[in-house]
Amino acid sequence: MSETRDPRPRRRRLLRAVVGLLVLLAVIGYFAVQRDSNGGGGAPFCVAGADPIGEDETSATYEMSPEQAANAATIAAVGVAKGLPDRAVTIALATAMQESALRNLDHGDRDSLGLFQQRPSMGWGTPAQITDPVYSAGIFYDHLVDVPGYSRLPLTVAAQKVQRSGFPQAYAKHEPDATVLTAAFAGGGTLNCGGPAPAGPGDPERVRADLVRIFGKDGMHTMSAQGGQGGQAGRSTGGGQVAPEPEVTLVEKKNGGEEATRRSRAMAHWAVANSKAMGISRVSYGRHGWIAGKDRGRWQDKGGAGTKDAAKDTHYAGPGEVRIFMAR
């Protein structure tokens, strides 16, 4: 006599699968609502894209945490500061994406450390140097430019000649995303960062010092920091007046050309990427502005110089100018 299998276990498994899928969709929906709630004041996130002000929903994008965005911004900014082409920046970003997922790791294979998993025992520097993103990116680029014709080589080949990895082909899968990041930080793209506004005050001197470390005294910008410690700048000046927000201002010098513009864009997006960690509340560059916790983290068009909107907005940046405002 043949036996008929009981269909109930299969039905239970199917029911569990359906319930699990519904729970997953609910979780995804919850975080999507959180991210877009309160004008972008939900969970922190950053999205890089090739679109100039991030309005083209069909363009390629790459989403990451504020920590990853800050590290990617530093890698790109160091390349821009060295005057290297976009191809060099893409190679560096793809390498760091594979080696550390854009995280500044304090561990790795054997004595490997940092964004690029560089090894002190192989002459890359001390552990303290290697875990400094500005240093580690700089020494990566120094080795990369020593590779003859690196900009014409396949990305995997160029990266491998610097890294000497046991898995050289692994870099290839990151090239499309690294290209998007390069457009955002070093080209004509943009970086949008949403999440709550900074909870604590920012220090313009710290921001200025970090920008000087990355870009040096490049001769293309004048730089000033105003307002002292962010915690002091919000105090009343008497008569009910409140002191202006502390800020760092960078102004392109005349005849700086496209290279100065490229650096300005890199500085502006570096500030947005580091806003959470450094207490930056808003950034203005040219005709666009970004405000922490507002507009779902997107850059907004503020109007051109001389317009009524610009005249009313005390945070407006003029042509060739980057203004970085601190929370207080």
C-alpha atoms as a PDB file:
ATOM      1  CA  MET A   1       0.000   0.000   0.000  1.00  0.00           C
ATOM      2  CA  SER A   2       1.516   3.337  -1.027  1.00  0.00           C
ATOM      3  CA  GLU A   3       1.920   6.131   1.506  1.00  0.00           C
ATOM      4  CA  THR A   4       0.896   9.725   0.847  1.00  0.00           C
ATOM      5  CA  ARG A   5       3.241  12.368   2.224  1.00  0.00           C
ATOM      6  CA  ASP A   6       1.697  14.745   4.757  1.00  0.00           C
ATOM      7  CA  PRO A   7       1.521  18.179   3.016  1.00  0.00           C
ATOM      8  CA  ARG A   8       1.378  20.089   6.279  1.00  0.00           C
ATOM      9  CA  PRO A   9       5.167  20.426   6.901  1.00  0.00           C
ATOM     10  CA  ARG A  10       5.594  21.876   3.420  1.00  0.00           C
ATOM     11  CA  ARG A  11       2.769  24.331   4.033  1.00  0.00           C
ATOM     12  CA  ARG A  12       4.309  25.353   7.344  1.00  0.00           C
ATOM     13  CA  ARG A  13       7.656  25.986   5.668  1.00  0.00           C
ATOM     14  CA  LEU A  14       5.938  28.071   2.988  1.00  0.00           C
ATOM     15  CA  LEU A  15       4.048  30.023   5.646  1.00  0.00           C
ATOM     16  CA  ARG A  16       7.264  30.720   7.568  1.00  0.00           C
ATOM     17  CA  ALA A  17       8.948  31.894   4.355  1.00  0.00           C
ATOM     18  CA  VAL A  18       6.067  34.259   3.592  1.00  0.00           C
ATOM     19  CA  VAL A  19       6.051  35.622   7.146  1.00  0.00           C
ATOM     20  CA  GLY A  20       9.829  36.110   7.013  1.00  0.00           C
ATOM     21  CA  LEU A  21       9.548  38.005   3.724  1.00  0.00           C
ATOM     22  CA  LEU A  22       6.825  40.249   5.140  1.00  0.00           C
ATOM     23  CA  VAL A  23       8.971  41.002   8.207  1.00  0.00           C
ATOM     24  CA  LEU A  24      11.950  41.840   5.987  1.00  0.00           C
ATOM     25  CA  LEU A  25       9.846  44.171   3.849  1.00  0.00           C
ATOM     26  CA  ALA A  26       8.474  45.823   6.992  1.00  0.00           C
ATOM     27  CA  VAL A  27      12.008  46.409   8.312  1.00  0.00           C
ATOM     28  CA  ILE A  28      13.131  47.865   4.979  1.00  0.00           C
ATOM     29  CA  GLY A  29      10.061  50.099   4.897  1.00  0.00           C
ATOM     30  CA  TYR A  30      10.672  51.241   8.469  1.00  0.00           C
ATOM     31  CA  PHE A  31      14.228  52.319   7.755  1.00  0.00           C
ATOM     32  CA  ALA A  32      13.165  54.002   4.511  1.00  0.00           C
ATOM     33  CA  VAL A  33      10.568  56.019   6.431  1.00  0.00           C
ATOM     34  CA  GLN A  34      13.081  56.804   9.162  1.00  0.00           C
ATOM     35  CA  ARG A  35      15.614  57.966   6.612  1.00  0.00           C
ATOM     36  CA  ASP A  36      13.192  60.286   4.852  1.00  0.00           C
ATOM     37  CA  SER A  37      11.327  61.491   7.930  1.00  0.00           C
ATOM     38  CA  ASN A  38      11.799  64.981   9.315  1.00  0.00           C
ATOM     39  CA  GLY A  39      13.347  66.182   6.067  1.00  0.00           C
ATOM     40  CA  GLY A  40      16.144  63.602   6.211  1.00  0.00           C
ATOM     41  CA  GLY A  41      16.706  63.585   9.961  1.00  0.00           C
ATOM     42  CA  GLY A  42      16.347  59.809  10.335  1.00  0.00           C
ATOM     43  CA  ALA A  43      19.151  57.266  10.292  1.00  0.00           C
ATOM     44  CA  PRO A  44      22.436  58.716   8.949  1.00  0.00           C
ATOM     45  CA  PHE A  45      23.351  57.796   5.376  1.00  0.00           C
ATOM     46  CA  CYS A  46      25.225  59.199   2.382  1.00  0.00           C
ATOM     47  CA  VAL A  47      24.569  58.700  -1.329  1.00  0.00           C
ATOM     48  CA  ALA A  48      27.120  59.543  -4.008  1.00  0.00           C
ATOM     49  CA  GLY A  49      26.017  60.178  -7.578  1.00  0.00           C
ATOM     50  CA  ALA A  50      27.192  61.563 -10.884  1.00  0.00           C
ATOM     51  CA  ASP A  51      24.305  64.042 -11.144  1.00  0.00           C
ATOM     52  CA  PRO A  52      25.399  67.642 -10.381  1.00  0.00           C
ATOM     53  CA  ILE A  53      22.845  68.300  -7.628  1.00  0.00           C
ATOM     54  CA  GLY A  54      21.558  64.778  -7.058  1.00  0.00           C
ATOM     55  CA  GLU A  55      18.143  65.196  -8.681  1.00  0.00           C
ATOM     56  CA  ASP A  56      18.441  62.538 -11.409  1.00  0.00           C
ATOM     57  CA  GLU A  57      16.889  59.416  -9.876  1.00  0.00           C
ATOM     58  CA  THR A  58      18.046  57.271 -12.829  1.00  0.00           C
ATOM     59  CA  SER A  59      21.764  58.027 -12.539  1.00  0.00           C
ATOM     60  CA  ALA A  60      24.159  55.546 -10.955  1.00  0.00           C
ATOM     61  CA  THR A  61      24.507  55.993  -7.194  1.00  0.00           C
ATOM     62  CA  TYR A  62      26.399  54.423  -4.318  1.00  0.00           C
ATOM     63  CA  GLU A  63      25.052  54.435  -0.753  1.00  0.00           C
ATOM     64  CA  MET A  64      27.297  54.254   2.301  1.00  0.00           C
ATOM     65  CA  SER A  65      27.592  55.150   5.966  1.00  0.00           C
ATOM     66  CA  PRO A  66      28.928  58.549   7.095  1.00  0.00           C
ATOM     67  CA  GLU A  67      32.158  56.816   8.188  1.00  0.00           C
ATOM     68  CA  GLN A  68      32.654  55.302   4.726  1.00  0.00           C
ATOM     69  CA  ALA A  69      31.768  58.598   3.045  1.00  0.00           C
ATOM     70  CA  ALA A  70      34.288  60.510   5.165  1.00  0.00           C
ATOM     71  CA  ASN A  71      37.041  58.043   4.280  1.00  0.00           C
ATOM     72  CA  ALA A  72      36.136  58.061   0.584  1.00  0.00           C
ATOM     73  CA  ALA A  73      36.086  61.870   0.608  1.00  0.00           C
ATOM     74  CA  THR A  74      39.555  61.960   2.156  1.00  0.00           C
ATOM     75  CA  ILE A  75      40.983  59.487  -0.368  1.00  0.00           C
ATOM     76  CA  ALA A  76      39.560  61.532  -3.239  1.00  0.00           C
ATOM     77  CA  ALA A  77      40.604  64.874  -1.734  1.00  0.00           C
ATOM     78  CA  VAL A  78      44.212  63.727  -1.317  1.00  0.00           C
ATOM     79  CA  GLY A  79      44.287  62.713  -4.993  1.00  0.00           C
ATOM     80  CA  VAL A  80      42.805  66.060  -6.037  1.00  0.00           C
ATOM     81  CA  ALA A  81      45.290  67.916  -3.807  1.00  0.00           C
ATOM     82  CA  LYS A  82      48.137  66.103  -5.560  1.00  0.00           C
ATOM     83  CA  GLY A  83      46.763  67.194  -8.929  1.00  0.00           C
ATOM     84  CA  LEU A  84      46.178  63.600 -10.054  1.00  0.00           C
ATOM     85  CA  PRO A  85      43.613  62.651 -12.706  1.00  0.00           C
ATOM     86  CA  ASP A  86      40.253  61.055 -11.982  1.00  0.00           C
ATOM     87  CA  ARG A  87      41.629  57.670 -13.046  1.00  0.00           C
ATOM     88  CA  ALA A  88      44.066  57.711 -10.129  1.00  0.00           C
ATOM     89  CA  VAL A  89      41.249  58.543  -7.719  1.00  0.00           C
ATOM     90  CA  THR A  90      39.114  55.696  -9.093  1.00  0.00           C
ATOM     91  CA  ILE A  91      41.969  53.201  -8.701  1.00  0.00           C
ATOM     92  CA  ALA A  92      42.571  54.326  -5.104  1.00  0.00           C
ATOM     93  CA  LEU A  93      38.884  54.173  -4.172  1.00  0.00           C
ATOM     94  CA  ALA A  94      38.362  50.733  -5.744  1.00  0.00           C
ATOM     95  CA  THR A  95      41.416  49.454  -3.884  1.00  0.00           C
ATOM     96  CA  ALA A  96      40.180  50.741  -0.531  1.00  0.00           C
ATOM     97  CA  MET A  97      36.695  49.366  -1.214  1.00  0.00           C
ATOM     98  CA  GLN A  98      38.161  45.894  -1.675  1.00  0.00           C
ATOM     99  CA  GLU A  99      40.747  46.040   1.114  1.00  0.00           C
ATOM    100  CA  SER A 100      38.665  47.592   3.894  1.00  0.00           C
ATOM    101  CA  ALA A 101      35.176  48.432   2.582  1.00  0.00           C
ATOM    102  CA  LEU A 102      36.218  52.080   3.136  1.00  0.00           C
ATOM    103  CA  ARG A 103      36.715  51.541   6.873  1.00  0.00           C
ATOM    104  CA  ASN A 104      39.863  52.525   8.738  1.00  0.00           C
ATOM    105  CA  LEU A 105      40.585  49.080  10.188  1.00  0.00           C
ATOM    106  CA  ASP A 106      42.864  48.491  13.171  1.00  0.00           C
ATOM    107  CA  HIS A 107      43.417  44.871  12.121  1.00  0.00           C
ATOM    108  CA  GLY A 108      43.900  42.701   9.046  1.00  0.00           C
ATOM    109  CA  ASP A 109      45.900  39.863   7.549  1.00  0.00           C
ATOM    110  CA  ARG A 110      49.140  39.578   9.513  1.00  0.00           C
ATOM    111  CA  ASP A 111      50.068  43.197  10.327  1.00  0.00           C
ATOM    112  CA  SER A 112      47.863  44.864   7.681  1.00  0.00           C
ATOM    113  CA  LEU A 113      46.084  48.032   8.839  1.00  0.00           C
ATOM    114  CA  GLY A 114      43.967  50.927   7.676  1.00  0.00           C
ATOM    115  CA  LEU A 115      41.985  51.761   4.558  1.00  0.00           C
ATOM    116  CA  PHE A 116      44.432  50.085   2.178  1.00  0.00           C
ATOM    117  CA  GLN A 117      45.555  47.299   4.529  1.00  0.00           C
ATOM    118  CA  GLN A 118      49.144  48.484   4.329  1.00  0.00           C
ATOM    119  CA  ARG A 119      51.765  46.617   6.359  1.00  0.00           C
ATOM    120  CA  PRO A 120      54.318  48.308   8.647  1.00  0.00           C
ATOM    121  CA  SER A 121      56.642  45.336   8.159  1.00  0.00           C
ATOM    122  CA  MET A 122      56.684  46.000   4.405  1.00  0.00           C
ATOM    123  CA  GLY A 123      57.812  49.591   4.773  1.00  0.00           C
ATOM    124  CA  TRP A 124      54.480  51.381   4.391  1.00  0.00           C
ATOM    125  CA  GLY A 125      54.939  53.359   7.613  1.00  0.00           C
ATOM    126  CA  THR A 126      54.264  53.089  11.312  1.00  0.00           C
ATOM    127  CA  PRO A 127      50.878  51.797  12.546  1.00  0.00           C
ATOM    128  CA  ALA A 128      49.942  55.355  13.546  1.00  0.00           C
ATOM    129  CA  GLN A 129      50.779  56.638  10.066  1.00  0.00           C
ATOM    130  CA  ILE A 130      48.976  53.852   8.222  1.00  0.00           C
ATOM    131  CA  THR A 131      45.793  54.357  10.236  1.00  0.00           C
ATOM    132  CA  ASP A 132      45.811  58.064   9.338  1.00  0.00           C
ATOM    133  CA  PRO A 133      43.612  58.260   6.197  1.00  0.00           C
ATOM    134  CA  VAL A 134      45.477  61.294   4.832  1.00  0.00           C
ATOM    135  CA  TYR A 135      48.853  59.560   5.136  1.00  0.00           C
ATOM    136  CA  SER A 136      47.679  56.160   3.867  1.00  0.00           C
ATOM    137  CA  ALA A 137      45.974  57.677   0.814  1.00  0.00           C
ATOM    138  CA  GLY A 138      49.008  59.843   0.111  1.00  0.00           C
ATOM    139  CA  ILE A 139      51.497  56.987   0.166  1.00  0.00           C
ATOM    140  CA  PHE A 140      49.197  54.842  -1.983  1.00  0.00           C
ATOM    141  CA  TYR A 141      49.170  57.584  -4.621  1.00  0.00           C
ATOM    142  CA  ASP A 142      52.949  58.007  -4.335  1.00  0.00           C
ATOM    143  CA  HIS A 143      53.400  54.329  -5.216  1.00  0.00           C
ATOM    144  CA  LEU A 144      50.736  54.445  -7.919  1.00  0.00           C
ATOM    145  CA  VAL A 145      52.326  57.281  -9.881  1.00  0.00           C
ATOM    146  CA  ASP A 146      55.591  55.306  -9.932  1.00  0.00           C
ATOM    147  CA  VAL A 147      53.831  52.635 -12.045  1.00  0.00           C
ATOM    148  CA  PRO A 148      54.617  53.438 -15.698  1.00  0.00           C
ATOM    149  CA  GLY A 149      51.462  54.245 -17.639  1.00  0.00           C
ATOM    150  CA  TYR A 150      49.199  53.428 -14.693  1.00  0.00           C
ATOM    151  CA  SER A 151      46.306  55.515 -16.057  1.00  0.00           C
ATOM    152  CA  ARG A 152      46.162  53.353 -19.207  1.00  0.00           C
ATOM    153  CA  LEU A 153      46.362  50.021 -17.414  1.00  0.00           C
ATOM    154  CA  PRO A 154      43.337  47.941 -16.418  1.00  0.00           C
ATOM    155  CA  LEU A 155      42.353  48.889 -12.880  1.00  0.00           C
ATOM    156  CA  THR A 156      43.187  45.443 -11.527  1.00  0.00           C
ATOM    157  CA  VAL A 157      46.703  45.621 -12.979  1.00  0.00           C
ATOM    158  CA  ALA A 158      47.409  49.130 -11.687  1.00  0.00           C
ATOM    159  CA  ALA A 159      46.091  48.338  -8.202  1.00  0.00           C
ATOM    160  CA  GLN A 160      47.983  45.058  -8.037  1.00  0.00           C
ATOM    161  CA  LYS A 161      51.308  46.683  -8.913  1.00  0.00           C
ATOM    162  CA  VAL A 162      50.884  48.801  -5.775  1.00  0.00           C
ATOM    163  CA  GLN A 163      49.198  46.336  -3.435  1.00  0.00           C
ATOM    164  CA  ARG A 164      50.658  42.944  -4.484  1.00  0.00           C
ATOM    165  CA  SER A 165      47.479  41.245  -3.284  1.00  0.00           C
ATOM    166  CA  GLY A 166      46.826  37.521  -3.260  1.00  0.00           C
ATOM    167  CA  PHE A 167      43.505  38.227  -5.048  1.00  0.00           C
ATOM    168  CA  PRO A 168      44.271  40.836  -7.722  1.00  0.00           C
ATOM    169  CA  GLN A 169      41.083  40.275  -9.741  1.00  0.00           C
ATOM    170  CA  ALA A 170      38.936  41.217  -6.743  1.00  0.00           C
ATOM    171  CA  TYR A 171      39.495  44.927  -7.418  1.00  0.00           C
ATOM    172  CA  ALA A 172      37.576  44.750 -10.712  1.00  0.00           C
ATOM    173  CA  LYS A 173      34.115  44.409  -9.190  1.00  0.00           C
ATOM    174  CA  HIS A 174      34.488  47.766  -7.411  1.00  0.00           C
ATOM    175  CA  GLU A 175      35.377  49.812 -10.495  1.00  0.00           C
ATOM    176  CA  PRO A 176      31.782  50.916 -11.366  1.00  0.00           C
ATOM    177  CA  ASP A 177      31.065  52.096  -7.820  1.00  0.00           C
ATOM    178  CA  ALA A 178      34.498  53.704  -7.504  1.00  0.00           C
ATOM    179  CA  THR A 179      33.787  55.614 -10.721  1.00  0.00           C
ATOM    180  CA  VAL A 180      30.568  56.971  -9.176  1.00  0.00           C
ATOM    181  CA  LEU A 181      32.457  58.028  -6.043  1.00  0.00           C
ATOM    182  CA  THR A 182      35.106  59.737  -8.160  1.00  0.00           C
ATOM    183  CA  ALA A 183      32.432  61.736  -9.974  1.00  0.00           C
ATOM    184  CA  ALA A 184      30.919  62.754  -6.634  1.00  0.00           C
ATOM    185  CA  PHE A 185      34.126  63.826  -4.925  1.00  0.00           C
ATOM    186  CA  ALA A 186      36.460  64.864  -7.738  1.00  0.00           C
ATOM    187  CA  GLY A 187      34.233  65.545 -10.746  1.00  0.00           C
ATOM    188  CA  GLY A 188      30.874  67.041 -11.568  1.00  0.00           C
ATOM    189  CA  GLY A 189      28.768  64.786  -9.338  1.00  0.00           C
ATOM    190  CA  THR A 190      27.505  65.284  -5.820  1.00  0.00           C
ATOM    191  CA  LEU A 191      27.322  63.748  -2.360  1.00  0.00           C
ATOM    192  CA  ASN A 192      24.045  63.842  -0.422  1.00  0.00           C
ATOM    193  CA  CYS A 193      24.169  63.022   3.300  1.00  0.00           C
ATOM    194  CA  GLY A 194      20.997  62.735   5.367  1.00  0.00           C
ATOM    195  CA  GLY A 195      20.403  62.127   9.027  1.00  0.00           C
ATOM    196  CA  PRO A 196      20.078  64.254  12.154  1.00  0.00           C
ATOM    197  CA  ALA A 197      21.800  67.599  12.426  1.00  0.00           C
ATOM    198  CA  PRO A 198      24.975  67.483  14.570  1.00  0.00           C
ATOM    199  CA  ALA A 199      24.204  67.131  18.255  1.00  0.00           C
ATOM    200  CA  GLY A 200      27.327  68.929  19.431  1.00  0.00           C
ATOM    201  CA  PRO A 201      29.191  72.090  18.393  1.00  0.00           C
ATOM    202  CA  GLY A 202      31.820  72.101  15.695  1.00  0.00           C
ATOM    203  CA  ASP A 203      35.224  73.755  15.793  1.00  0.00           C
ATOM    204  CA  PRO A 204      36.187  75.779  12.698  1.00  0.00           C
ATOM    205  CA  GLU A 205      39.866  75.615  13.613  1.00  0.00           C
ATOM    206  CA  ARG A 206      39.762  71.827  13.517  1.00  0.00           C
ATOM    207  CA  VAL A 207      38.091  71.888  10.094  1.00  0.00           C
ATOM    208  CA  ARG A 208      40.600  74.431   8.810  1.00  0.00           C
ATOM    209  CA  ALA A 209      43.526  72.382  10.138  1.00  0.00           C
ATOM    210  CA  ASP A 210      42.279  69.213   8.449  1.00  0.00           C
ATOM    211  CA  LEU A 211      41.783  71.001   5.142  1.00  0.00           C
ATOM    212  CA  VAL A 212      45.314  72.389   5.360  1.00  0.00           C
ATOM    213  CA  ARG A 213      46.641  68.874   6.077  1.00  0.00           C
ATOM    214  CA  ILE A 214      44.939  67.551   2.947  1.00  0.00           C
ATOM    215  CA  PHE A 215      45.323  70.429   0.509  1.00  0.00           C
ATOM    216  CA  GLY A 216      48.268  72.286   2.004  1.00  0.00           C
ATOM    217  CA  LYS A 217      48.793  75.921   1.141  1.00  0.00           C
ATOM    218  CA  ASP A 218      47.968  75.292  -2.507  1.00  0.00           C
ATOM    219  CA  GLY A 219      48.154  78.883  -3.693  1.00  0.00           C
ATOM    220  CA  MET A 220      44.719  78.495  -5.280  1.00  0.00           C
ATOM    221  CA  HIS A 221      42.552  79.473  -2.299  1.00  0.00           C
ATOM    222  CA  THR A 222      42.562  81.837   0.618  1.00  0.00           C
ATOM    223  CA  MET A 223      41.249  80.223   3.783  1.00  0.00           C
ATOM    224  CA  SER A 224      39.912  81.727   6.988  1.00  0.00           C
ATOM    225  CA  ALA A 225      38.264  80.371  10.127  1.00  0.00           C
ATOM    226  CA  GLN A 226      35.945  82.588  12.131  1.00  0.00           C
ATOM    227  CA  GLY A 227      34.096  82.182  15.391  1.00  0.00           C
ATOM    228  CA  GLY A 228      36.486  80.164  17.553  1.00  0.00           C
ATOM    229  CA  GLN A 229      35.114  77.143  19.378  1.00  0.00           C
ATOM    230  CA  GLY A 230      31.579  76.295  18.249  1.00  0.00           C
ATOM    231  CA  GLY A 231      30.430  76.161  21.845  1.00  0.00           C
ATOM    232  CA  GLN A 232      31.341  79.815  22.344  1.00  0.00           C
ATOM    233  CA  ALA A 233      30.001  81.208  19.081  1.00  0.00           C
ATOM    234  CA  GLY A 234      26.342  80.809  19.917  1.00  0.00           C
ATOM    235  CA  ARG A 235      26.439  83.081  22.981  1.00  0.00           C
ATOM    236  CA  SER A 236      24.587  86.357  23.021  1.00  0.00           C
ATOM    237  CA  THR A 237      26.633  89.403  22.101  1.00  0.00           C
ATOM    238  CA  GLY A 238      24.384  91.692  24.131  1.00  0.00           C
ATOM    239  CA  GLY A 239      21.203  93.488  23.213  1.00  0.00           C
ATOM    240  CA  GLY A 240      19.536  90.179  22.328  1.00  0.00           C
ATOM    241  CA  GLN A 241      21.855  89.622  19.379  1.00  0.00           C
ATOM    242  CA  VAL A 242      23.436  86.221  18.732  1.00  0.00           C
ATOM    243  CA  ALA A 243      26.910  85.928  17.283  1.00  0.00           C
ATOM    244  CA  PRO A 244      27.124  84.569  13.725  1.00  0.00           C
ATOM    245  CA  GLU A 245      27.684  80.871  13.247  1.00  0.00           C
ATOM    246  CA  PRO A 246      31.370  79.947  13.255  1.00  0.00           C
ATOM    247  CA  GLU A 247      32.569  79.103   9.777  1.00  0.00           C
ATOM    248  CA  VAL A 248      35.479  78.269   7.512  1.00  0.00           C
ATOM    249  CA  THR A 249      35.574  80.184   4.238  1.00  0.00           C
ATOM    250  CA  LEU A 250      37.627  79.233   1.182  1.00  0.00           C
ATOM    251  CA  VAL A 251      37.858  81.554  -1.801  1.00  0.00           C
ATOM    252  CA  GLU A 252      39.430  80.671  -5.124  1.00  0.00           C
ATOM    253  CA  LYS A 253      42.150  83.057  -6.202  1.00  0.00           C
ATOM    254  CA  LYS A 254      41.894  84.678  -9.600  1.00  0.00           C
ATOM    255  CA  ASN A 255      43.053  82.683 -12.597  1.00  0.00           C
ATOM    256  CA  GLY A 256      42.909  79.397 -10.671  1.00  0.00           C
ATOM    257  CA  GLY A 257      41.084  77.784 -13.555  1.00  0.00           C
ATOM    258  CA  GLU A 258      39.491  74.337 -13.590  1.00  0.00           C
ATOM    259  CA  GLU A 259      41.991  72.921 -11.097  1.00  0.00           C
ATOM    260  CA  ALA A 260      40.892  75.436  -8.458  1.00  0.00           C
ATOM    261  CA  THR A 261      37.251  74.620  -9.210  1.00  0.00           C
ATOM    262  CA  ARG A 262      37.980  70.907  -8.855  1.00  0.00           C
ATOM    263  CA  ARG A 263      39.535  71.526  -5.461  1.00  0.00           C
ATOM    264  CA  SER A 264      36.596  73.660  -4.356  1.00  0.00           C
ATOM    265  CA  ARG A 265      34.159  70.874  -5.209  1.00  0.00           C
ATOM    266  CA  ALA A 266      36.311  68.353  -3.352  1.00  0.00           C
ATOM    267  CA  MET A 267      36.458  70.629  -0.292  1.00  0.00           C
ATOM    268  CA  ALA A 268      32.686  71.176  -0.266  1.00  0.00           C
ATOM    269  CA  HIS A 269      31.872  67.478  -0.521  1.00  0.00           C
ATOM    270  CA  TRP A 270      34.580  66.582   1.997  1.00  0.00           C
ATOM    271  CA  ALA A 271      32.806  68.903   4.444  1.00  0.00           C
ATOM    272  CA  VAL A 272      29.433  67.237   3.839  1.00  0.00           C
ATOM    273  CA  ALA A 273      30.936  63.763   4.244  1.00  0.00           C
ATOM    274  CA  ASN A 274      32.548  64.787   7.537  1.00  0.00           C
ATOM    275  CA  SER A 275      29.585  66.773   8.846  1.00  0.00           C
ATOM    276  CA  LYS A 276      28.460  64.195  11.414  1.00  0.00           C
ATOM    277  CA  ALA A 277      31.905  63.682  12.917  1.00  0.00           C
ATOM    278  CA  MET A 278      32.988  67.334  12.839  1.00  0.00           C
ATOM    279  CA  GLY A 279      29.820  69.180  13.822  1.00  0.00           C
ATOM    280  CA  ILE A 280      29.248  70.816  10.426  1.00  0.00           C
ATOM    281  CA  SER A 281      25.714  72.156  10.105  1.00  0.00           C
ATOM    282  CA  ARG A 282      25.687  73.498   6.546  1.00  0.00           C
ATOM    283  CA  VAL A 283      27.853  73.917   3.464  1.00  0.00           C
ATOM    284  CA  SER A 284      27.465  76.403   0.618  1.00  0.00           C
ATOM    285  CA  TYR A 285      29.286  76.259  -2.688  1.00  0.00           C
ATOM    286  CA  GLY A 286      28.480  78.436  -5.672  1.00  0.00           C
ATOM    287  CA  ARG A 287      24.749  78.337  -6.376  1.00  0.00           C
ATOM    288  CA  HIS A 288      24.018  75.362  -4.134  1.00  0.00           C
ATOM    289  CA  GLY A 289      23.699  74.708  -0.422  1.00  0.00           C
ATOM    290  CA  TRP A 290      23.441  71.710   1.895  1.00  0.00           C
ATOM    291  CA  ILE A 291      21.897  71.793   5.398  1.00  0.00           C
ATOM    292  CA  ALA A 292      22.262  68.973   7.927  1.00  0.00           C
ATOM    293  CA  GLY A 293      18.941  67.301   8.724  1.00  0.00           C
ATOM    294  CA  LYS A 294      17.048  69.057   5.911  1.00  0.00           C
ATOM    295  CA  ASP A 295      15.784  68.269   2.403  1.00  0.00           C
ATOM    296  CA  ARG A 296      16.501  64.518   2.802  1.00  0.00           C
ATOM    297  CA  GLY A 297      20.194  65.343   2.840  1.00  0.00           C
ATOM    298  CA  ARG A 298      20.237  66.760  -0.674  1.00  0.00           C
ATOM    299  CA  TRP A 299      21.962  69.826  -2.042  1.00  0.00           C
ATOM    300  CA  GLN A 300      19.510  72.570  -2.971  1.00  0.00           C
ATOM    301  CA  ASP A 301      19.732  75.324  -5.570  1.00  0.00           C
ATOM    302  CA  LYS A 302      20.046  78.624  -3.689  1.00  0.00           C
ATOM    303  CA  GLY A 303      19.893  80.966  -6.684  1.00  0.00           C
ATOM    304  CA  GLY A 304      22.649  82.883  -8.448  1.00  0.00           C
ATOM    305  CA  ALA A 305      24.643  85.839  -7.251  1.00  0.00           C
ATOM    306  CA  GLY A 306      22.602  89.039  -7.085  1.00  0.00           C
ATOM    307  CA  THR A 307      19.236  87.297  -6.913  1.00  0.00           C
ATOM    308  CA  LYS A 308      16.675  88.120  -4.220  1.00  0.00           C
ATOM    309  CA  ASP A 309      17.115  84.666  -2.645  1.00  0.00           C
ATOM    310  CA  ALA A 310      20.866  85.108  -2.468  1.00  0.00           C
ATOM    311  CA  ALA A 311      20.540  88.566  -0.974  1.00  0.00           C
ATOM    312  CA  LYS A 312      18.333  87.229   1.845  1.00  0.00           C
ATOM    313  CA  ASP A 313      20.510  84.206   2.572  1.00  0.00           C
ATOM    314  CA  THR A 314      23.439  85.120   4.812  1.00  0.00           C
ATOM    315  CA  HIS A 315      24.868  81.635   4.194  1.00  0.00           C
ATOM    316  CA  TYR A 316      25.098  82.141   0.447  1.00  0.00           C
ATOM    317  CA  ALA A 317      28.475  81.419  -1.159  1.00  0.00           C
ATOM    318  CA  GLY A 318      29.602  83.604  -4.010  1.00  0.00           C
ATOM    319  CA  PRO A 319      31.311  82.398  -7.198  1.00  0.00           C
ATOM    320  CA  GLY A 320      34.427  80.370  -6.453  1.00  0.00           C
ATOM    321  CA  GLU A 321      33.660  80.329  -2.741  1.00  0.00           C
ATOM    322  CA  VAL A 322      33.092  77.477  -0.267  1.00  0.00           C
ATOM    323  CA  ARG A 323      31.537  78.285   3.111  1.00  0.00           C
ATOM    324  CA  ILE A 324      31.457  75.646   5.853  1.00  0.00           C
ATOM    325  CA  PHE A 325      29.317  76.476   8.909  1.00  0.00           C
ATOM    326  CA  MET A 326      29.639  74.843  12.326  1.00  0.00           C
ATOM    327  CA  ALA A 327      26.854  73.714  14.624  1.00  0.00           C
ATOM    328  CA  ARG A 328      26.745  75.573  17.914  1.00  0.00           C
END
